[in-house]
PDB file of all heavy atoms in Angstrom:
ATOM      1  N   SER A   1       8.337 -26.637  44.102  1.00  0.00           N
ATOM      2  CA  SER A   1       8.620 -26.093  45.422  1.00  0.00           C
ATOM      3  C   SER A   1       9.054 -24.638  45.275  1.00  0.00           C
ATOM      4  O   SER A   1       9.336 -24.169  44.168  1.00  0.00           O
ATOM      5  CB  SER A   1       9.703 -26.910  46.140  1.00  0.00           C
ATOM      6  OG  SER A   1      10.911 -26.905  45.403  1.00  0.00           O
ATOM      7  N   ARG A   2       9.108 -23.911  46.400  1.00  0.00           N
ATOM      8  CA  ARG A   2       9.480 -22.504  46.337  1.00  0.00           C
ATOM      9  C   ARG A   2      10.229 -22.087  47.587  1.00  0.00           C
ATOM     10  O   ARG A   2      10.138 -22.730  48.636  1.00  0.00           O
ATOM     11  CB  ARG A   2       8.239 -21.620  46.150  1.00  0.00           C
ATOM     12  CG  ARG A   2       7.268 -21.648  47.324  1.00  0.00           C
ATOM     13  CD  ARG A   2       5.979 -20.903  46.982  1.00  0.00           C
ATOM     14  NE  ARG A   2       6.198 -19.469  46.839  1.00  0.00           N
ATOM     15  CZ  ARG A   2       5.281 -18.616  46.374  1.00  0.00           C
ATOM     16  NH1 ARG A   2       4.096 -19.068  45.976  1.00  0.00           N
ATOM     17  NH2 ARG A   2       5.565 -17.317  46.293  1.00  0.00           N
ATOM     18  N   ASP A   3      10.964 -20.992  47.459  1.00  0.00           N
ATOM     19  CA  ASP A   3      11.673 -20.371  48.567  1.00  0.00           C
ATOM     20  C   ASP A   3      11.201 -18.926  48.607  1.00  0.00           C
ATOM     21  O   ASP A   3      11.642 -18.103  47.801  1.00  0.00           O
ATOM     22  CB  ASP A   3      13.182 -20.461  48.368  1.00  0.00           C
ATOM     23  CG  ASP A   3      13.967 -19.957  49.564  1.00  0.00           C
ATOM     24  OD1 ASP A   3      13.464 -19.091  50.300  1.00  0.00           O
ATOM     25  OD2 ASP A   3      15.105 -20.429  49.766  1.00  0.00           O
ATOM     26  N   ASN A   4      10.299 -18.617  49.524  1.00  0.00           N
ATOM     27  CA  ASN A   4       9.712 -17.278  49.582  1.00  0.00           C
ATOM     28  C   ASN A   4      10.751 -16.203  49.907  1.00  0.00           C
ATOM     29  O   ASN A   4      10.664 -15.080  49.413  1.00  0.00           O
ATOM     30  CB  ASN A   4       8.590 -17.233  50.620  1.00  0.00           C
ATOM     31  CG  ASN A   4       7.381 -18.031  50.206  1.00  0.00           C
ATOM     32  OD1 ASN A   4       7.183 -18.324  49.027  1.00  0.00           O
ATOM     33  ND2 ASN A   4       6.544 -18.395  51.174  1.00  0.00           N
ATOM     34  N   ALA A   5      11.727 -16.529  50.741  1.00  0.00           N
ATOM     35  CA  ALA A   5      12.748 -15.564  51.121  1.00  0.00           C
ATOM     36  C   ALA A   5      13.613 -15.152  49.935  1.00  0.00           C
ATOM     37  O   ALA A   5      14.111 -14.030  49.886  1.00  0.00           O
ATOM     38  CB  ALA A   5      13.619 -16.124  52.238  1.00  0.00           C
ATOM     39  N   LYS A   6      13.805 -16.069  48.975  1.00  0.00           N
ATOM     40  CA  LYS A   6      14.637 -15.805  47.808  1.00  0.00           C
ATOM     41  C   LYS A   6      13.828 -15.481  46.555  1.00  0.00           C
ATOM     42  O   LYS A   6      14.410 -15.225  45.501  1.00  0.00           O
ATOM     43  CB  LYS A   6      15.541 -16.994  47.520  1.00  0.00           C
ATOM     44  CG  LYS A   6      16.546 -17.296  48.623  1.00  0.00           C
ATOM     45  CD  LYS A   6      17.425 -18.480  48.249  1.00  0.00           C
ATOM     46  CE  LYS A   6      18.450 -18.767  49.322  1.00  0.00           C
ATOM     47  NZ  LYS A   6      19.306 -19.931  48.965  1.00  0.00           N
ATOM     48  N   ASN A   7      12.498 -15.517  46.650  1.00  0.00           N
ATOM     49  CA  ASN A   7      11.617 -15.310  45.494  1.00  0.00           C
ATOM     50  C   ASN A   7      11.967 -16.260  44.353  1.00  0.00           C
ATOM     51  O   ASN A   7      12.102 -15.858  43.195  1.00  0.00           O
ATOM     52  CB  ASN A   7      11.680 -13.858  45.012  1.00  0.00           C
ATOM     53  CG  ASN A   7      11.009 -12.891  45.961  1.00  0.00           C
ATOM     54  OD1 ASN A   7      10.082 -13.251  46.684  1.00  0.00           O
ATOM     55  ND2 ASN A   7      11.468 -11.648  45.960  1.00  0.00           N
ATOM     56  N   MET A   8      12.113 -17.545  44.692  1.00  0.00           N
ATOM     57  CA  MET A   8      12.460 -18.556  43.702  1.00  0.00           C
ATOM     58  C   MET A   8      11.458 -19.702  43.712  1.00  0.00           C
ATOM     59  O   MET A   8      10.836 -19.991  44.740  1.00  0.00           O
ATOM     60  CB  MET A   8      13.862 -19.105  43.947  1.00  0.00           C
ATOM     61  CG  MET A   8      14.969 -18.085  43.781  1.00  0.00           C
ATOM     62  SD  MET A   8      16.626 -18.817  43.751  1.00  0.00           S
ATOM     63  CE  MET A   8      16.576 -19.677  42.170  1.00  0.00           C
ATOM     64  N   VAL A   9      11.307 -20.341  42.562  1.00  0.00           N
ATOM     65  CA  VAL A   9      10.479 -21.526  42.418  1.00  0.00           C
ATOM     66  C   VAL A   9      11.274 -22.569  41.652  1.00  0.00           C
ATOM     67  O   VAL A   9      12.076 -22.230  40.773  1.00  0.00           O
ATOM     68  CB  VAL A   9       9.142 -21.207  41.712  1.00  0.00           C
ATOM     69  CG1 VAL A   9       9.373 -20.716  40.285  1.00  0.00           C
ATOM     70  CG2 VAL A   9       8.221 -22.413  41.731  1.00  0.00           C
ATOM     71  N   TYR A  10      11.060 -23.848  41.980  1.00  0.00           N
ATOM     72  CA  TYR A  10      11.809 -24.945  41.395  1.00  0.00           C
ATOM     73  C   TYR A  10      10.856 -26.001  40.848  1.00  0.00           C
ATOM     74  O   TYR A  10       9.717 -26.129  41.292  1.00  0.00           O
ATOM     75  CB  TYR A  10      12.728 -25.597  42.434  1.00  0.00           C
ATOM     76  CG  TYR A  10      13.581 -24.623  43.190  1.00  0.00           C
ATOM     77  CD1 TYR A  10      13.141 -24.062  44.388  1.00  0.00           C
ATOM     78  CD2 TYR A  10      14.841 -24.255  42.716  1.00  0.00           C
ATOM     79  CE1 TYR A  10      13.918 -23.162  45.084  1.00  0.00           C
ATOM     80  CE2 TYR A  10      15.629 -23.358  43.405  1.00  0.00           C
ATOM     81  CZ  TYR A  10      15.163 -22.815  44.594  1.00  0.00           C
ATOM     82  OH  TYR A  10      15.946 -21.922  45.280  1.00  0.00           O
ATOM     83  N   LEU A  11      11.353 -26.776  39.896  1.00  0.00           N
ATOM     84  CA  LEU A  11      10.607 -27.916  39.375  1.00  0.00           C
ATOM     85  C   LEU A  11      11.560 -29.092  39.253  1.00  0.00           C
ATOM     86  O   LEU A  11      12.435 -29.097  38.388  1.00  0.00           O
ATOM     87  CB  LEU A  11       9.981 -27.602  38.014  1.00  0.00           C
ATOM     88  CG  LEU A  11       9.067 -28.689  37.447  1.00  0.00           C
ATOM     89  CD1 LEU A  11       7.803 -28.812  38.299  1.00  0.00           C
ATOM     90  CD2 LEU A  11       8.694 -28.392  36.001  1.00  0.00           C
ATOM     91  N   GLN A  12      11.404 -30.078  40.135  1.00  0.00           N
ATOM     92  CA  GLN A  12      12.181 -31.307  40.071  1.00  0.00           C
ATOM     93  C   GLN A  12      11.453 -32.282  39.166  1.00  0.00           C
ATOM     94  O   GLN A  12      10.314 -32.652  39.441  1.00  0.00           O
ATOM     95  CB  GLN A  12      12.359 -31.909  41.468  1.00  0.00           C
ATOM     96  CG  GLN A  12      13.128 -33.221  41.487  1.00  0.00           C
ATOM     97  CD  GLN A  12      14.569 -33.060  41.069  1.00  0.00           C
ATOM     98  OE1 GLN A  12      15.250 -32.144  41.519  1.00  0.00           O
ATOM     99  NE2 GLN A  12      15.040 -33.936  40.193  1.00  0.00           N
ATOM    100  N   MET A  13      12.104 -32.706  38.087  1.00  0.00           N
ATOM    101  CA  MET A  13      11.494 -33.572  37.094  1.00  0.00           C
ATOM    102  C   MET A  13      12.218 -34.916  37.096  1.00  0.00           C
ATOM    103  O   MET A  13      13.406 -34.987  36.774  1.00  0.00           O
ATOM    104  CB  MET A  13      11.549 -32.935  35.704  1.00  0.00           C
ATOM    105  CG  MET A  13      10.907 -31.554  35.639  1.00  0.00           C
ATOM    106  SD  MET A  13      10.866 -30.873  33.959  1.00  0.00           S
ATOM    107  CE  MET A  13      12.627 -30.680  33.660  1.00  0.00           C
ATOM    108  N   ASN A  14      11.509 -35.977  37.443  1.00  0.00           N
ATOM    109  CA  ASN A  14      12.051 -37.332  37.472  1.00  0.00           C
ATOM    110  C   ASN A  14      11.319 -38.216  36.468  1.00  0.00           C
ATOM    111  O   ASN A  14      10.229 -37.889  36.015  1.00  0.00           O
ATOM    112  CB  ASN A  14      11.926 -37.941  38.869  1.00  0.00           C
ATOM    113  CG  ASN A  14      12.679 -37.173  39.923  1.00  0.00           C
ATOM    114  OD1 ASN A  14      13.745 -36.611  39.667  1.00  0.00           O
ATOM    115  ND2 ASN A  14      12.141 -37.164  41.149  1.00  0.00           N
ATOM    116  N   SER A  15      11.925 -39.344  36.143  1.00  0.00           N
ATOM    117  CA  SER A  15      11.331 -40.310  35.207  1.00  0.00           C
ATOM    118  C   SER A  15      10.862 -39.625  33.932  1.00  0.00           C
ATOM    119  O   SER A  15       9.742 -39.829  33.460  1.00  0.00           O
ATOM    120  CB  SER A  15      10.166 -41.049  35.877  1.00  0.00           C
ATOM    121  OG  SER A  15      10.593 -41.729  37.042  1.00  0.00           O
ATOM    122  N   LEU A  16      11.718 -38.820  33.354  1.00  0.00           N
ATOM    123  CA  LEU A  16      11.348 -38.025  32.185  1.00  0.00           C
ATOM    124  C   LEU A  16      11.049 -38.901  30.972  1.00  0.00           C
ATOM    125  O   LEU A  16      11.686 -39.936  30.757  1.00  0.00           O
ATOM    126  CB  LEU A  16      12.452 -37.033  31.858  1.00  0.00           C
ATOM    127  CG  LEU A  16      12.496 -35.809  32.776  1.00  0.00           C
ATOM    128  CD1 LEU A  16      13.840 -35.108  32.679  1.00  0.00           C
ATOM    129  CD2 LEU A  16      11.372 -34.844  32.414  1.00  0.00           C
ATOM    130  N   LYS A  17      10.076 -38.454  30.193  1.00  0.00           N
ATOM    131  CA  LYS A  17       9.647 -39.134  28.980  1.00  0.00           C
ATOM    132  C   LYS A  17       9.874 -38.226  27.778  1.00  0.00           C
ATOM    133  O   LYS A  17       9.979 -37.009  27.919  1.00  0.00           O
ATOM    134  CB  LYS A  17       8.161 -39.505  29.063  1.00  0.00           C
ATOM    135  CG  LYS A  17       7.764 -40.290  30.294  1.00  0.00           C
ATOM    136  CD  LYS A  17       6.255 -40.457  30.357  1.00  0.00           C
ATOM    137  CE  LYS A  17       5.826 -41.210  31.595  1.00  0.00           C
ATOM    138  NZ  LYS A  17       4.349 -41.350  31.668  1.00  0.00           N
ATOM    139  N   ALA A  18       9.906 -38.813  26.598  1.00  0.00           N
ATOM    140  CA  ALA A  18      10.083 -38.036  25.379  1.00  0.00           C
ATOM    141  C   ALA A  18       8.980 -36.989  25.225  1.00  0.00           C
ATOM    142  O   ALA A  18       9.226 -35.888  24.712  1.00  0.00           O
ATOM    143  CB  ALA A  18      10.110 -38.957  24.157  1.00  0.00           C
ATOM    144  N   GLU A  19       7.771 -37.306  25.678  1.00  0.00           N
ATOM    145  CA  GLU A  19       6.651 -36.382  25.575  1.00  0.00           C
ATOM    146  C   GLU A  19       6.785 -35.171  26.490  1.00  0.00           C
ATOM    147  O   GLU A  19       6.002 -34.233  26.383  1.00  0.00           O
ATOM    148  CB  GLU A  19       5.332 -37.112  25.870  1.00  0.00           C
ATOM    149  CG  GLU A  19       5.240 -37.665  27.282  1.00  0.00           C
ATOM    150  CD  GLU A  19       4.096 -38.654  27.450  1.00  0.00           C
ATOM    151  OE1 GLU A  19       4.064 -39.644  26.692  1.00  0.00           O
ATOM    152  OE2 GLU A  19       3.243 -38.427  28.325  1.00  0.00           O
ATOM    153  N   ASP A  20       7.763 -35.178  27.397  1.00  0.00           N
ATOM    154  CA  ASP A  20       8.021 -34.020  28.251  1.00  0.00           C
ATOM    155  C   ASP A  20       8.854 -32.958  27.535  1.00  0.00           C
ATOM    156  O   ASP A  20       9.053 -31.867  28.081  1.00  0.00           O
ATOM    157  CB  ASP A  20       8.739 -34.437  29.533  1.00  0.00           C
ATOM    158  CG  ASP A  20       7.888 -35.327  30.417  1.00  0.00           C
ATOM    159  OD1 ASP A  20       6.684 -35.039  30.574  1.00  0.00           O
ATOM    160  OD2 ASP A  20       8.429 -36.316  30.960  1.00  0.00           O
ATOM    161  N   THR A  21       9.363 -33.261  26.355  1.00  0.00           N
ATOM    162  CA  THR A  21      10.167 -32.311  25.597  1.00  0.00           C
ATOM    163  C   THR A  21       9.353 -31.059  25.282  1.00  0.00           C
ATOM    164  O   THR A  21       8.278 -31.139  24.686  1.00  0.00           O
ATOM    165  CB  THR A  21      10.673 -32.944  24.293  1.00  0.00           C
ATOM    166  OG1 THR A  21      11.544 -34.036  24.594  1.00  0.00           O
ATOM    167  CG2 THR A  21      11.429 -31.919  23.459  1.00  0.00           C
ATOM    168  N   ALA A  22       9.862 -29.901  25.693  1.00  0.00           N
ATOM    169  CA  ALA A  22       9.152 -28.644  25.511  1.00  0.00           C
ATOM    170  C   ALA A  22      10.008 -27.496  26.032  1.00  0.00           C
ATOM    171  O   ALA A  22      11.031 -27.712  26.687  1.00  0.00           O
ATOM    172  CB  ALA A  22       7.816 -28.665  26.257  1.00  0.00           C
ATOM    173  N   VAL A  23       9.580 -26.278  25.733  1.00  0.00           N
ATOM    174  CA  VAL A  23      10.125 -25.102  26.388  1.00  0.00           C
ATOM    175  C   VAL A  23       9.318 -24.878  27.654  1.00  0.00           C
ATOM    176  O   VAL A  23       8.092 -24.803  27.600  1.00  0.00           O
ATOM    177  CB  VAL A  23      10.071 -23.859  25.488  1.00  0.00           C
ATOM    178  CG1 VAL A  23      10.556 -22.626  26.244  1.00  0.00           C
ATOM    179  CG2 VAL A  23      10.906 -24.072  24.233  1.00  0.00           C
ATOM    180  N   TYR A  24       9.991 -24.786  28.784  1.00  0.00           N
ATOM    181  CA  TYR A  24       9.335 -24.615  30.067  1.00  0.00           C
ATOM    182  C   TYR A  24       9.432 -23.152  30.501  1.00  0.00           C
ATOM    183  O   TYR A  24      10.515 -22.567  30.508  1.00  0.00           O
ATOM    184  CB  TYR A  24       9.965 -25.527  31.123  1.00  0.00           C
ATOM    185  CG  TYR A  24       9.562 -26.971  30.968  1.00  0.00           C
ATOM    186  CD1 TYR A  24      10.029 -27.729  29.903  1.00  0.00           C
ATOM    187  CD2 TYR A  24       8.688 -27.568  31.876  1.00  0.00           C
ATOM    188  CE1 TYR A  24       9.640 -29.046  29.738  1.00  0.00           C
ATOM    189  CE2 TYR A  24       8.298 -28.884  31.728  1.00  0.00           C
ATOM    190  CZ  TYR A  24       8.775 -29.615  30.655  1.00  0.00           C
ATOM    191  OH  TYR A  24       8.386 -30.931  30.509  1.00  0.00           O
ATOM    192  N   TYR A  25       8.281 -22.581  30.885  1.00  0.00           N
ATOM    193  CA  TYR A  25       8.190 -21.172  31.247  1.00  0.00           C
ATOM    194  C   TYR A  25       7.820 -21.011  32.716  1.00  0.00           C
ATOM    195  O   TYR A  25       6.938 -21.705  33.226  1.00  0.00           O
ATOM    196  CB  TYR A  25       7.130 -20.454  30.410  1.00  0.00           C
ATOM    197  CG  TYR A  25       7.425 -20.416  28.934  1.00  0.00           C
ATOM    198  CD1 TYR A  25       6.967 -21.421  28.085  1.00  0.00           C
ATOM    199  CD2 TYR A  25       8.151 -19.365  28.379  1.00  0.00           C
ATOM    200  CE1 TYR A  25       7.228 -21.390  26.731  1.00  0.00           C
ATOM    201  CE2 TYR A  25       8.417 -19.323  27.030  1.00  0.00           C
ATOM    202  CZ  TYR A  25       7.950 -20.336  26.208  1.00  0.00           C
ATOM    203  OH  TYR A  25       8.209 -20.294  24.859  1.00  0.00           O
ATOM    204  N   CYS A  26       8.467 -20.072  33.374  1.00  0.00           N
ATOM    205  CA  CYS A  26       8.152 -19.712  34.745  1.00  0.00           C
ATOM    206  C   CYS A  26       7.109 -18.602  34.753  1.00  0.00           C
ATOM    207  O   CYS A  26       7.151 -17.694  33.918  1.00  0.00           O
ATOM    208  CB  CYS A  26       9.424 -19.248  35.456  1.00  0.00           C
ATOM    209  SG  CYS A  26       9.202 -18.719  37.163  1.00  0.00           S
ATOM    210  N   ASN A  27       6.166 -18.672  35.690  1.00  0.00           N
ATOM    211  CA  ASN A  27       5.108 -17.675  35.816  1.00  0.00           C
ATOM    212  C   ASN A  27       4.943 -17.270  37.273  1.00  0.00           C
ATOM    213  O   ASN A  27       5.088 -18.099  38.169  1.00  0.00           O
ATOM    214  CB  ASN A  27       3.788 -18.236  35.277  1.00  0.00           C
ATOM    215  CG  ASN A  27       2.605 -17.340  35.565  1.00  0.00           C
ATOM    216  OD1 ASN A  27       1.841 -17.585  36.497  1.00  0.00           O
ATOM    217  ND2 ASN A  27       2.455 -16.293  34.773  1.00  0.00           N
ATOM    218  N   ALA A  28       4.640 -15.991  37.506  1.00  0.00           N
ATOM    219  CA  ALA A  28       4.409 -15.521  38.866  1.00  0.00           C
ATOM    220  C   ALA A  28       3.404 -14.385  38.890  1.00  0.00           C
ATOM    221  O   ALA A  28       3.428 -13.505  38.020  1.00  0.00           O
ATOM    222  CB  ALA A  28       5.716 -15.055  39.507  1.00  0.00           C
ATOM    223  N   ASP A  29       2.507 -14.415  39.877  1.00  0.00           N
ATOM    224  CA  ASP A  29       1.624 -13.297  40.196  1.00  0.00           C
ATOM    225  C   ASP A  29       2.246 -12.582  41.384  1.00  0.00           C
ATOM    226  O   ASP A  29       2.480 -13.203  42.418  1.00  0.00           O
ATOM    227  CB  ASP A  29       0.225 -13.776  40.559  1.00  0.00           C
ATOM    228  CG  ASP A  29      -0.471 -14.464  39.405  1.00  0.00           C
ATOM    229  OD1 ASP A  29      -0.285 -14.022  38.252  1.00  0.00           O
ATOM    230  OD2 ASP A  29      -1.215 -15.438  39.654  1.00  0.00           O
ATOM    231  N   LEU A  30       2.514 -11.283  41.248  1.00  0.00           N
ATOM    232  CA  LEU A  30       3.210 -10.577  42.304  1.00  0.00           C
ATOM    233  C   LEU A  30       2.764  -9.134  42.424  1.00  0.00           C
ATOM    234  O   LEU A  30       2.102  -8.591  41.540  1.00  0.00           O
ATOM    235  CB  LEU A  30       4.730 -10.649  42.084  1.00  0.00           C
ATOM    236  CG  LEU A  30       5.294 -10.172  40.748  1.00  0.00           C
ATOM    237  CD1 LEU A  30       5.481  -8.656  40.747  1.00  0.00           C
ATOM    238  CD2 LEU A  30       6.618 -10.859  40.470  1.00  0.00           C
ATOM    239  N   ILE A  31       3.136  -8.519  43.539  1.00  0.00           N
ATOM    240  CA  ILE A  31       2.846  -7.116  43.814  1.00  0.00           C
ATOM    241  C   ILE A  31       4.152  -6.341  43.801  1.00  0.00           C
ATOM    242  O   ILE A  31       5.075  -6.658  44.557  1.00  0.00           O
ATOM    243  CB  ILE A  31       2.147  -6.939  45.173  1.00  0.00           C
ATOM    244  CG1 ILE A  31       0.861  -7.768  45.229  1.00  0.00           C
ATOM    245  CG2 ILE A  31       1.839  -5.469  45.431  1.00  0.00           C
ATOM    246  CD1 ILE A  31       0.204  -7.773  46.594  1.00  0.00           C
ATOM    247  N   GLN A  32       4.248  -5.331  42.955  1.00  0.00           N
ATOM    248  CA  GLN A  32       5.423  -4.474  42.905  1.00  0.00           C
ATOM    249  C   GLN A  32       5.330  -3.371  43.955  1.00  0.00           C
ATOM    250  O   GLN A  32       4.235  -2.996  44.381  1.00  0.00           O
ATOM    251  CB  GLN A  32       5.561  -3.818  41.529  1.00  0.00           C
ATOM    252  CG  GLN A  32       5.760  -4.772  40.389  1.00  0.00           C
ATOM    253  CD  GLN A  32       5.939  -4.042  39.086  1.00  0.00           C
ATOM    254  OE1 GLN A  32       7.053  -3.630  38.731  1.00  0.00           O
ATOM    255  NE2 GLN A  32       4.851  -3.854  38.359  1.00  0.00           N
TER     256      GLN A  32
END
């Protein structure tokens, strides 16, 4: 999900498994 007014993005992760173990990176395409 995202909040455009705050320029934020979220990831709610439920029912996590061992295979979900990782470094998670945020990415954005934007105009400066």
